[in-house]
N, C-alpha and C. Protein backbone atom coordinates (compact mmCIF):
# COMPACT_ATOMS: atom_id res chain seq x y z
N ALA A 1 -153.36 80.35 -93.47
CA ALA A 1 -154.74 79.90 -93.67
C ALA A 1 -155.58 81.05 -94.20
N GLN A 2 -155.31 82.27 -93.77
CA GLN A 2 -156.09 83.41 -94.25
C GLN A 2 -155.73 83.74 -95.69
N GLN A 3 -154.50 83.43 -96.10
CA GLN A 3 -154.09 83.70 -97.47
C GLN A 3 -154.54 82.59 -98.42
N GLY A 4 -154.98 81.44 -97.90
CA GLY A 4 -155.52 80.37 -98.73
C GLY A 4 -154.49 79.32 -99.12
N ARG A 5 -153.29 79.40 -98.64
CA ARG A 5 -152.27 78.41 -98.96
C ARG A 5 -152.47 77.12 -98.16
N VAL A 6 -152.95 77.29 -96.95
CA VAL A 6 -153.15 76.16 -96.04
C VAL A 6 -154.61 76.18 -95.61
N ARG A 7 -155.19 74.99 -95.53
CA ARG A 7 -156.58 74.90 -95.07
C ARG A 7 -156.62 74.55 -93.59
N GLU A 8 -157.69 74.90 -92.94
CA GLU A 8 -157.84 74.69 -91.50
C GLU A 8 -159.16 73.98 -91.25
N LYS A 9 -159.09 72.94 -90.36
CA LYS A 9 -160.32 72.26 -89.93
C LYS A 9 -160.34 72.30 -88.42
N VAL A 10 -161.49 72.56 -87.85
CA VAL A 10 -161.63 72.67 -86.39
C VAL A 10 -162.41 71.46 -85.90
N TYR A 11 -161.81 70.76 -84.93
CA TYR A 11 -162.47 69.62 -84.27
C TYR A 11 -162.53 69.95 -82.79
N GLY A 12 -163.62 70.49 -82.33
CA GLY A 12 -163.74 70.88 -80.93
C GLY A 12 -162.75 71.98 -80.62
N LYS A 13 -161.85 71.73 -79.68
CA LYS A 13 -160.83 72.72 -79.32
C LYS A 13 -159.58 72.60 -80.18
N GLN A 14 -159.51 71.58 -81.02
CA GLN A 14 -158.32 71.35 -81.83
C GLN A 14 -158.52 71.90 -83.24
N LYS A 15 -157.39 72.37 -83.79
CA LYS A 15 -157.39 72.83 -85.17
C LYS A 15 -156.34 72.06 -85.93
N ILE A 16 -156.70 71.62 -87.14
CA ILE A 16 -155.77 70.87 -87.97
C ILE A 16 -155.52 71.68 -89.24
N TYR A 17 -154.24 71.84 -89.61
CA TYR A 17 -153.84 72.57 -90.81
C TYR A 17 -153.24 71.59 -91.80
N PHE A 18 -153.60 71.75 -93.08
CA PHE A 18 -153.03 70.89 -94.12
C PHE A 18 -152.98 71.68 -95.42
N ALA A 19 -152.12 71.20 -96.34
CA ALA A 19 -151.93 71.92 -97.61
C ALA A 19 -153.21 71.87 -98.44
N ASP A 20 -153.51 72.96 -99.10
CA ASP A 20 -154.68 73.04 -99.96
C ASP A 20 -154.32 72.41 -101.30
N GLN A 21 -154.88 71.26 -101.60
CA GLN A 21 -154.51 70.52 -102.79
C GLN A 21 -155.15 71.10 -104.05
N GLU A 22 -156.10 71.94 -103.91
CA GLU A 22 -156.74 72.55 -105.08
C GLU A 22 -155.78 73.51 -105.77
N GLN A 23 -154.81 74.03 -105.05
CA GLN A 23 -153.84 74.95 -105.63
C GLN A 23 -152.72 74.22 -106.38
N LEU A 24 -152.56 72.90 -106.12
CA LEU A 24 -151.52 72.13 -106.78
C LEU A 24 -151.96 71.79 -108.20
N PRO A 25 -151.00 71.68 -109.13
CA PRO A 25 -151.40 71.33 -110.50
C PRO A 25 -151.87 69.88 -110.57
N ALA A 26 -152.85 69.62 -111.35
CA ALA A 26 -153.39 68.27 -111.49
C ALA A 26 -152.45 67.46 -112.39
N ALA A 27 -152.20 66.22 -112.00
CA ALA A 27 -151.32 65.36 -112.78
C ALA A 27 -152.12 64.68 -113.88
N SER A 28 -151.50 64.53 -115.02
CA SER A 28 -152.19 63.88 -116.14
C SER A 28 -152.18 62.36 -115.93
N ASP A 29 -152.99 61.66 -116.71
CA ASP A 29 -153.06 60.20 -116.61
C ASP A 29 -151.71 59.57 -116.94
N ALA A 30 -151.00 60.13 -117.88
CA ALA A 30 -149.69 59.60 -118.27
C ALA A 30 -148.71 59.74 -117.10
N GLU A 31 -148.74 60.89 -116.44
CA GLU A 31 -147.86 61.09 -115.29
C GLU A 31 -148.20 60.12 -114.16
N LEU A 32 -149.50 59.91 -113.92
CA LEU A 32 -149.93 58.98 -112.86
C LEU A 32 -149.50 57.56 -113.19
N ARG A 33 -149.64 57.15 -114.46
CA ARG A 33 -149.20 55.81 -114.87
C ARG A 33 -147.69 55.69 -114.71
N GLY A 34 -146.96 56.74 -115.04
CA GLY A 34 -145.50 56.74 -114.88
C GLY A 34 -145.11 56.61 -113.41
N LEU A 35 -145.81 57.35 -112.56
CA LEU A 35 -145.54 57.26 -111.12
C LEU A 35 -145.90 55.87 -110.58
N ASP A 36 -147.02 55.32 -111.06
CA ASP A 36 -147.40 53.96 -110.63
C ASP A 36 -146.34 52.95 -111.06
N GLY A 37 -145.83 53.09 -112.27
CA GLY A 37 -144.77 52.20 -112.75
C GLY A 37 -143.51 52.34 -111.92
N GLU A 38 -143.17 53.58 -111.59
CA GLU A 38 -141.98 53.82 -110.76
C GLU A 38 -142.17 53.22 -109.37
N ILE A 39 -143.37 53.34 -108.82
CA ILE A 39 -143.67 52.74 -107.50
C ILE A 39 -143.53 51.23 -107.57
N ALA A 40 -144.07 50.62 -108.63
CA ALA A 40 -143.99 49.16 -108.77
C ALA A 40 -142.53 48.72 -108.90
N ALA A 41 -141.73 49.48 -109.69
CA ALA A 41 -140.32 49.13 -109.87
C ALA A 41 -139.58 49.25 -108.54
N ARG A 42 -139.85 50.33 -107.82
CA ARG A 42 -139.18 50.52 -106.51
C ARG A 42 -139.61 49.44 -105.51
N SER A 43 -140.88 49.03 -105.54
CA SER A 43 -141.37 47.97 -104.64
C SER A 43 -140.67 46.65 -104.96
N ALA A 44 -140.52 46.35 -106.25
CA ALA A 44 -139.83 45.11 -106.64
C ALA A 44 -138.37 45.17 -106.20
N GLN A 45 -137.75 46.34 -106.37
CA GLN A 45 -136.36 46.51 -105.95
C GLN A 45 -136.25 46.33 -104.43
N LEU A 46 -137.22 46.90 -103.70
CA LEU A 46 -137.23 46.76 -102.24
C LEU A 46 -137.37 45.30 -101.84
N GLN A 47 -138.27 44.55 -102.50
CA GLN A 47 -138.46 43.13 -102.20
C GLN A 47 -137.17 42.35 -102.45
N ALA A 48 -136.51 42.63 -103.56
CA ALA A 48 -135.26 41.94 -103.88
C ALA A 48 -134.19 42.23 -102.84
N LEU A 49 -134.08 43.49 -102.43
CA LEU A 49 -133.09 43.86 -101.41
C LEU A 49 -133.41 43.21 -100.06
N GLN A 50 -134.70 43.17 -99.69
CA GLN A 50 -135.08 42.54 -98.42
C GLN A 50 -134.76 41.04 -98.46
N GLN A 51 -135.04 40.39 -99.58
CA GLN A 51 -134.74 38.95 -99.69
C GLN A 51 -133.23 38.73 -99.62
N SER A 52 -132.47 39.56 -100.30
CA SER A 52 -131.01 39.45 -100.25
C SER A 52 -130.51 39.65 -98.83
N CYS A 53 -131.11 40.59 -98.13
CA CYS A 53 -130.72 40.86 -96.73
C CYS A 53 -131.04 39.65 -95.85
N ARG A 54 -132.22 39.05 -96.03
CA ARG A 54 -132.58 37.86 -95.24
C ARG A 54 -131.63 36.71 -95.53
N HIS A 55 -131.27 36.54 -96.81
CA HIS A 55 -130.34 35.48 -97.19
C HIS A 55 -128.98 35.71 -96.53
N MET A 56 -128.51 36.94 -96.56
CA MET A 56 -127.21 37.25 -95.94
C MET A 56 -127.26 37.08 -94.43
N GLU A 57 -128.38 37.45 -93.79
CA GLU A 57 -128.51 37.27 -92.34
C GLU A 57 -128.49 35.79 -91.98
N ALA A 58 -129.17 34.96 -92.79
CA ALA A 58 -129.17 33.51 -92.53
C ALA A 58 -127.76 32.95 -92.69
N GLU A 59 -127.05 33.41 -93.72
CA GLU A 59 -125.68 32.95 -93.94
C GLU A 59 -124.77 33.37 -92.79
N LEU A 60 -124.96 34.60 -92.31
CA LEU A 60 -124.18 35.10 -91.17
C LEU A 60 -124.47 34.26 -89.91
N LYS A 61 -125.74 33.95 -89.71
CA LYS A 61 -126.11 33.14 -88.54
C LYS A 61 -125.45 31.76 -88.63
N ASP A 62 -125.47 31.15 -89.82
CA ASP A 62 -124.82 29.84 -90.00
C ASP A 62 -123.33 29.92 -89.72
N LEU A 63 -122.70 30.97 -90.24
CA LEU A 63 -121.26 31.13 -90.04
C LEU A 63 -120.92 31.37 -88.57
N ASN A 64 -121.75 32.15 -87.89
CA ASN A 64 -121.49 32.42 -86.47
C ASN A 64 -121.69 31.19 -85.60
N SER A 65 -122.61 30.31 -86.01
CA SER A 65 -122.88 29.12 -85.21
C SER A 65 -121.94 27.96 -85.54
N SER A 66 -121.21 28.05 -86.63
CA SER A 66 -120.30 26.96 -86.99
C SER A 66 -118.99 27.11 -86.21
N MET A 67 -118.26 26.01 -86.16
CA MET A 67 -117.01 25.98 -85.41
C MET A 67 -115.89 26.61 -86.22
N THR A 68 -114.92 27.19 -85.50
CA THR A 68 -113.76 27.75 -86.17
C THR A 68 -112.75 26.63 -86.43
N SER A 69 -111.75 26.92 -87.23
CA SER A 69 -110.75 25.90 -87.58
C SER A 69 -110.02 25.37 -86.34
N PRO A 70 -109.56 26.23 -85.40
CA PRO A 70 -108.91 25.68 -84.20
C PRO A 70 -109.86 24.82 -83.36
N GLU A 71 -111.13 25.23 -83.28
CA GLU A 71 -112.10 24.42 -82.51
C GLU A 71 -112.30 23.06 -83.16
N ILE A 72 -112.37 23.05 -84.49
CA ILE A 72 -112.55 21.78 -85.21
C ILE A 72 -111.33 20.89 -84.99
N ALA A 73 -110.13 21.48 -85.03
CA ALA A 73 -108.91 20.69 -84.81
C ALA A 73 -108.91 20.08 -83.42
N ARG A 74 -109.32 20.86 -82.39
CA ARG A 74 -109.40 20.32 -81.02
C ARG A 74 -110.43 19.21 -80.93
N GLU A 75 -111.57 19.40 -81.59
CA GLU A 75 -112.64 18.39 -81.57
C GLU A 75 -112.15 17.10 -82.23
N ILE A 76 -111.44 17.24 -83.35
CA ILE A 76 -110.91 16.05 -84.06
C ILE A 76 -109.92 15.31 -83.17
N GLU A 77 -109.04 16.05 -82.49
CA GLU A 77 -108.07 15.41 -81.59
C GLU A 77 -108.78 14.67 -80.46
N ALA A 78 -109.80 15.31 -79.88
CA ALA A 78 -110.54 14.67 -78.78
C ALA A 78 -111.23 13.39 -79.29
N LEU A 79 -111.81 13.46 -80.48
CA LEU A 79 -112.48 12.28 -81.03
C LEU A 79 -111.49 11.17 -81.37
N LYS A 80 -110.31 11.54 -81.87
CA LYS A 80 -109.29 10.52 -82.15
C LYS A 80 -108.85 9.85 -80.86
N LYS A 81 -108.70 10.65 -79.80
CA LYS A 81 -108.30 10.10 -78.50
C LYS A 81 -109.37 9.15 -77.98
N ASP A 82 -110.65 9.55 -78.09
CA ASP A 82 -111.75 8.68 -77.66
C ASP A 82 -111.76 7.40 -78.47
N CYS A 83 -111.58 7.53 -79.78
CA CYS A 83 -111.59 6.36 -80.67
C CYS A 83 -110.46 5.40 -80.30
N ALA A 84 -109.28 5.94 -80.01
CA ALA A 84 -108.16 5.09 -79.63
C ALA A 84 -108.46 4.37 -78.31
N GLY A 85 -109.06 5.08 -77.36
CA GLY A 85 -109.43 4.46 -76.09
C GLY A 85 -110.44 3.34 -76.27
N TYR A 86 -111.44 3.59 -77.12
CA TYR A 86 -112.46 2.57 -77.36
C TYR A 86 -111.87 1.37 -78.10
N THR A 87 -110.96 1.63 -79.04
CA THR A 87 -110.31 0.54 -79.77
C THR A 87 -109.50 -0.33 -78.81
N GLU A 88 -108.79 0.33 -77.92
CA GLU A 88 -107.99 -0.42 -76.93
C GLU A 88 -108.90 -1.25 -76.02
N LYS A 89 -109.99 -0.66 -75.60
CA LYS A 89 -110.94 -1.37 -74.74
C LYS A 89 -111.53 -2.57 -75.48
N LEU A 90 -111.87 -2.38 -76.75
CA LEU A 90 -112.42 -3.46 -77.56
C LEU A 90 -111.41 -4.59 -77.71
N GLU A 91 -110.16 -4.25 -77.94
CA GLU A 91 -109.12 -5.28 -78.06
C GLU A 91 -108.95 -6.06 -76.76
N ARG A 92 -109.01 -5.34 -75.63
CA ARG A 92 -108.91 -6.04 -74.33
C ARG A 92 -110.07 -7.00 -74.15
N ILE A 93 -111.26 -6.57 -74.53
CA ILE A 93 -112.44 -7.43 -74.38
C ILE A 93 -112.32 -8.64 -75.31
N LYS A 94 -111.88 -8.40 -76.55
CA LYS A 94 -111.74 -9.51 -77.50
C LYS A 94 -110.67 -10.50 -77.06
N SER A 95 -109.61 -10.01 -76.46
CA SER A 95 -108.51 -10.90 -76.07
C SER A 95 -108.77 -11.60 -74.74
N ALA A 96 -109.80 -11.18 -74.02
CA ALA A 96 -110.09 -11.82 -72.73
C ALA A 96 -110.52 -13.27 -72.97
N THR A 97 -110.09 -14.12 -72.06
CA THR A 97 -110.40 -15.55 -72.21
C THR A 97 -111.57 -16.00 -71.34
N ASN A 98 -112.07 -15.12 -70.53
CA ASN A 98 -113.14 -15.52 -69.60
C ASN A 98 -114.51 -15.07 -70.11
N HIS A 99 -114.83 -15.43 -71.34
CA HIS A 99 -116.13 -15.09 -71.91
C HIS A 99 -117.22 -15.94 -71.27
N VAL A 100 -118.43 -15.36 -71.19
CA VAL A 100 -119.58 -16.09 -70.65
C VAL A 100 -120.34 -16.67 -71.82
N THR A 101 -120.56 -17.95 -71.78
CA THR A 101 -121.30 -18.60 -72.87
C THR A 101 -122.79 -18.36 -72.67
N PRO A 102 -123.58 -18.45 -73.75
CA PRO A 102 -125.02 -18.27 -73.61
C PRO A 102 -125.64 -19.28 -72.64
N GLU A 103 -125.08 -20.49 -72.58
CA GLU A 103 -125.62 -21.49 -71.66
C GLU A 103 -125.40 -21.06 -70.21
N GLU A 104 -124.19 -20.54 -69.93
CA GLU A 104 -123.91 -20.08 -68.57
C GLU A 104 -124.81 -18.91 -68.20
N LYS A 105 -125.01 -18.00 -69.15
CA LYS A 105 -125.87 -16.85 -68.90
C LYS A 105 -127.29 -17.30 -68.60
N GLU A 106 -127.79 -18.24 -69.39
CA GLU A 106 -129.15 -18.76 -69.19
C GLU A 106 -129.26 -19.43 -67.82
N LYS A 107 -128.23 -20.18 -67.42
CA LYS A 107 -128.23 -20.85 -66.12
C LYS A 107 -128.30 -19.83 -64.99
N VAL A 108 -127.51 -18.76 -65.09
CA VAL A 108 -127.52 -17.72 -64.06
C VAL A 108 -128.89 -17.04 -64.00
N CYS A 109 -129.50 -16.77 -65.15
CA CYS A 109 -130.83 -16.14 -65.18
C CYS A 109 -131.88 -17.04 -64.53
N ARG A 110 -131.81 -18.35 -64.81
CA ARG A 110 -132.76 -19.29 -64.19
C ARG A 110 -132.58 -19.31 -62.67
N GLU A 111 -131.32 -19.34 -62.23
CA GLU A 111 -131.06 -19.34 -60.79
C GLU A 111 -131.58 -18.06 -60.14
N GLN A 112 -131.38 -16.93 -60.81
CA GLN A 112 -131.87 -15.67 -60.26
C GLN A 112 -133.39 -15.71 -60.12
N GLN A 113 -134.08 -16.21 -61.14
CA GLN A 113 -135.54 -16.33 -61.07
C GLN A 113 -135.96 -17.22 -59.90
N LEU A 114 -135.26 -18.34 -59.73
CA LEU A 114 -135.57 -19.27 -58.64
C LEU A 114 -135.40 -18.58 -57.29
N TYR A 115 -134.29 -17.89 -57.10
CA TYR A 115 -134.02 -17.22 -55.83
C TYR A 115 -135.00 -16.07 -55.58
N ARG A 116 -135.35 -15.36 -56.63
CA ARG A 116 -136.31 -14.26 -56.49
C ARG A 116 -137.68 -14.81 -56.08
N ARG A 117 -138.09 -15.91 -56.73
CA ARG A 117 -139.38 -16.53 -56.39
C ARG A 117 -139.38 -17.00 -54.94
N GLU A 118 -138.26 -17.62 -54.51
CA GLU A 118 -138.14 -18.11 -53.13
C GLU A 118 -138.18 -16.94 -52.15
N TRP A 119 -137.50 -15.87 -52.48
CA TRP A 119 -137.48 -14.67 -51.63
C TRP A 119 -138.91 -14.15 -51.43
N ARG A 120 -139.66 -14.04 -52.53
CA ARG A 120 -141.05 -13.57 -52.43
C ARG A 120 -141.88 -14.51 -51.55
N ARG A 121 -141.74 -15.81 -51.77
CA ARG A 121 -142.52 -16.80 -51.02
C ARG A 121 -142.22 -16.70 -49.53
N ARG A 122 -140.94 -16.65 -49.17
CA ARG A 122 -140.57 -16.58 -47.75
C ARG A 122 -140.98 -15.26 -47.12
N LYS A 123 -140.86 -14.18 -47.88
CA LYS A 123 -141.28 -12.88 -47.34
C LYS A 123 -142.78 -12.89 -47.07
N ARG A 124 -143.56 -13.44 -48.00
CA ARG A 124 -145.01 -13.52 -47.81
C ARG A 124 -145.36 -14.37 -46.59
N MET A 125 -144.66 -15.52 -46.43
CA MET A 125 -144.93 -16.39 -45.28
C MET A 125 -144.60 -15.66 -43.97
N ALA A 126 -143.47 -14.96 -43.93
CA ALA A 126 -143.08 -14.24 -42.71
C ALA A 126 -144.07 -13.12 -42.41
N THR A 127 -144.51 -12.42 -43.43
CA THR A 127 -145.47 -11.32 -43.22
C THR A 127 -146.79 -11.86 -42.69
N GLU A 128 -147.27 -12.98 -43.25
CA GLU A 128 -148.52 -13.57 -42.77
C GLU A 128 -148.39 -14.03 -41.33
N LEU A 129 -147.26 -14.63 -40.98
CA LEU A 129 -147.02 -15.10 -39.62
C LEU A 129 -146.98 -13.92 -38.64
N LEU A 130 -146.26 -12.88 -39.01
CA LEU A 130 -146.15 -11.70 -38.14
C LEU A 130 -147.50 -11.00 -37.99
N ASP A 131 -148.29 -10.94 -39.08
CA ASP A 131 -149.62 -10.33 -38.99
C ASP A 131 -150.52 -11.12 -38.04
N ALA A 132 -150.41 -12.45 -38.08
CA ALA A 132 -151.21 -13.29 -37.18
C ALA A 132 -150.80 -13.03 -35.72
N ILE A 133 -149.51 -12.87 -35.46
CA ILE A 133 -149.03 -12.60 -34.09
C ILE A 133 -149.50 -11.23 -33.64
N LEU A 134 -149.45 -10.24 -34.56
CA LEU A 134 -149.79 -8.86 -34.20
C LEU A 134 -151.27 -8.66 -33.93
N GLU A 135 -152.12 -9.61 -34.38
CA GLU A 135 -153.56 -9.46 -34.11
C GLU A 135 -153.84 -9.42 -32.62
N GLY A 136 -153.15 -10.20 -31.84
CA GLY A 136 -153.39 -10.23 -30.41
C GLY A 136 -152.36 -9.44 -29.61
N TYR A 137 -151.42 -8.80 -30.26
CA TYR A 137 -150.35 -8.07 -29.57
C TYR A 137 -150.84 -6.67 -29.23
N PRO A 138 -150.66 -6.21 -27.99
CA PRO A 138 -151.23 -4.93 -27.56
C PRO A 138 -150.47 -3.71 -28.10
N LYS A 139 -149.23 -3.85 -28.48
CA LYS A 139 -148.44 -2.70 -28.91
C LYS A 139 -148.41 -2.61 -30.44
N SER A 140 -147.71 -1.59 -30.96
CA SER A 140 -147.67 -1.39 -32.41
C SER A 140 -146.71 -2.37 -33.09
N LYS A 141 -146.82 -2.45 -34.38
CA LYS A 141 -145.99 -3.35 -35.18
C LYS A 141 -144.52 -2.97 -35.02
N LYS A 142 -144.24 -1.67 -35.04
CA LYS A 142 -142.88 -1.19 -34.93
C LYS A 142 -142.27 -1.57 -33.58
N GLN A 143 -143.05 -1.41 -32.51
CA GLN A 143 -142.55 -1.77 -31.18
C GLN A 143 -142.29 -3.28 -31.09
N PHE A 144 -143.17 -4.06 -31.70
CA PHE A 144 -142.99 -5.51 -31.70
C PHE A 144 -141.70 -5.89 -32.43
N PHE A 145 -141.46 -5.31 -33.58
CA PHE A 145 -140.25 -5.60 -34.34
C PHE A 145 -139.01 -5.23 -33.54
N GLU A 146 -139.06 -4.11 -32.81
CA GLU A 146 -137.90 -3.70 -32.00
C GLU A 146 -137.66 -4.67 -30.85
N GLU A 147 -138.74 -5.10 -30.19
CA GLU A 147 -138.60 -6.01 -29.05
C GLU A 147 -138.04 -7.36 -29.49
N VAL A 148 -138.53 -7.87 -30.62
CA VAL A 148 -138.11 -9.19 -31.08
C VAL A 148 -136.78 -9.10 -31.83
N GLY A 149 -136.46 -7.93 -32.39
CA GLY A 149 -135.21 -7.77 -33.13
C GLY A 149 -135.35 -8.13 -34.60
N ILE A 150 -136.51 -7.83 -35.18
CA ILE A 150 -136.75 -8.14 -36.59
C ILE A 150 -136.31 -6.94 -37.43
N GLU A 151 -135.53 -7.22 -38.47
CA GLU A 151 -135.12 -6.19 -39.42
C GLU A 151 -135.74 -6.53 -40.77
N THR A 152 -136.41 -5.56 -41.37
CA THR A 152 -137.09 -5.79 -42.65
C THR A 152 -136.22 -5.32 -43.81
N ASP A 153 -136.62 -5.74 -45.01
CA ASP A 153 -135.93 -5.29 -46.22
C ASP A 153 -136.00 -3.77 -46.32
N GLU A 154 -137.15 -3.20 -45.98
CA GLU A 154 -137.35 -1.76 -46.10
C GLU A 154 -136.43 -0.99 -45.14
N ASP A 155 -136.13 -1.56 -43.96
CA ASP A 155 -135.23 -0.90 -43.02
C ASP A 155 -133.85 -0.69 -43.63
N HIS A 156 -133.44 -1.60 -44.49
CA HIS A 156 -132.10 -1.54 -45.08
C HIS A 156 -132.13 -1.04 -46.53
N GLY A 157 -133.31 -0.62 -47.01
CA GLY A 157 -133.42 -0.09 -48.36
C GLY A 157 -133.26 -1.14 -49.44
N VAL A 158 -133.56 -2.38 -49.12
CA VAL A 158 -133.41 -3.47 -50.09
C VAL A 158 -134.72 -3.60 -50.85
N VAL A 159 -134.61 -3.70 -52.17
CA VAL A 159 -135.79 -3.84 -53.02
C VAL A 159 -135.67 -5.14 -53.78
N LEU A 160 -136.79 -5.84 -53.87
CA LEU A 160 -136.83 -7.10 -54.59
C LEU A 160 -136.57 -6.82 -56.07
N PRO A 161 -135.59 -7.50 -56.70
CA PRO A 161 -135.27 -7.23 -58.11
C PRO A 161 -136.46 -7.53 -59.02
N ALA A 162 -136.57 -6.74 -60.07
CA ALA A 162 -137.66 -6.92 -61.02
C ALA A 162 -137.39 -8.13 -61.89
N ASN A 163 -138.45 -8.65 -62.52
CA ASN A 163 -138.30 -9.79 -63.43
C ASN A 163 -137.52 -9.34 -64.66
N VAL A 164 -136.62 -10.18 -65.09
CA VAL A 164 -135.79 -9.86 -66.26
C VAL A 164 -136.22 -10.67 -67.44
């Protein structure tokens, strides 16, 4: 710094040293344009290399995530076995003689609706009757059910089927 090669700046207790640029030769406009052109060429080259690298990384990721030939062969065998099983099952179903006709299906659905409606009606009647008895009963509903021996749908986990 005393010889003038390096400059010194003081910021409080800190000192910063840097090269004295006044001693460096000044670049001509032609040299600056040449350097700018070289920077632009190198930037374009860098962009091309980065894009090529991204493309190769994507290709590597695809290759790593794809199945190998032995894995594909095992998968094909498993699928052929499944297909054969399904074909056999389909043939058994087609050859069965006990098909349900649409009329029979409709009849069963109507009967189910009838029984479900009756179940709801009877359950409502029983609940209303038991509620009327419990109005004057001194003990709890649970104690009354135990004494009389009443078992509810809920005790056995039975749920009324939904409408179909």
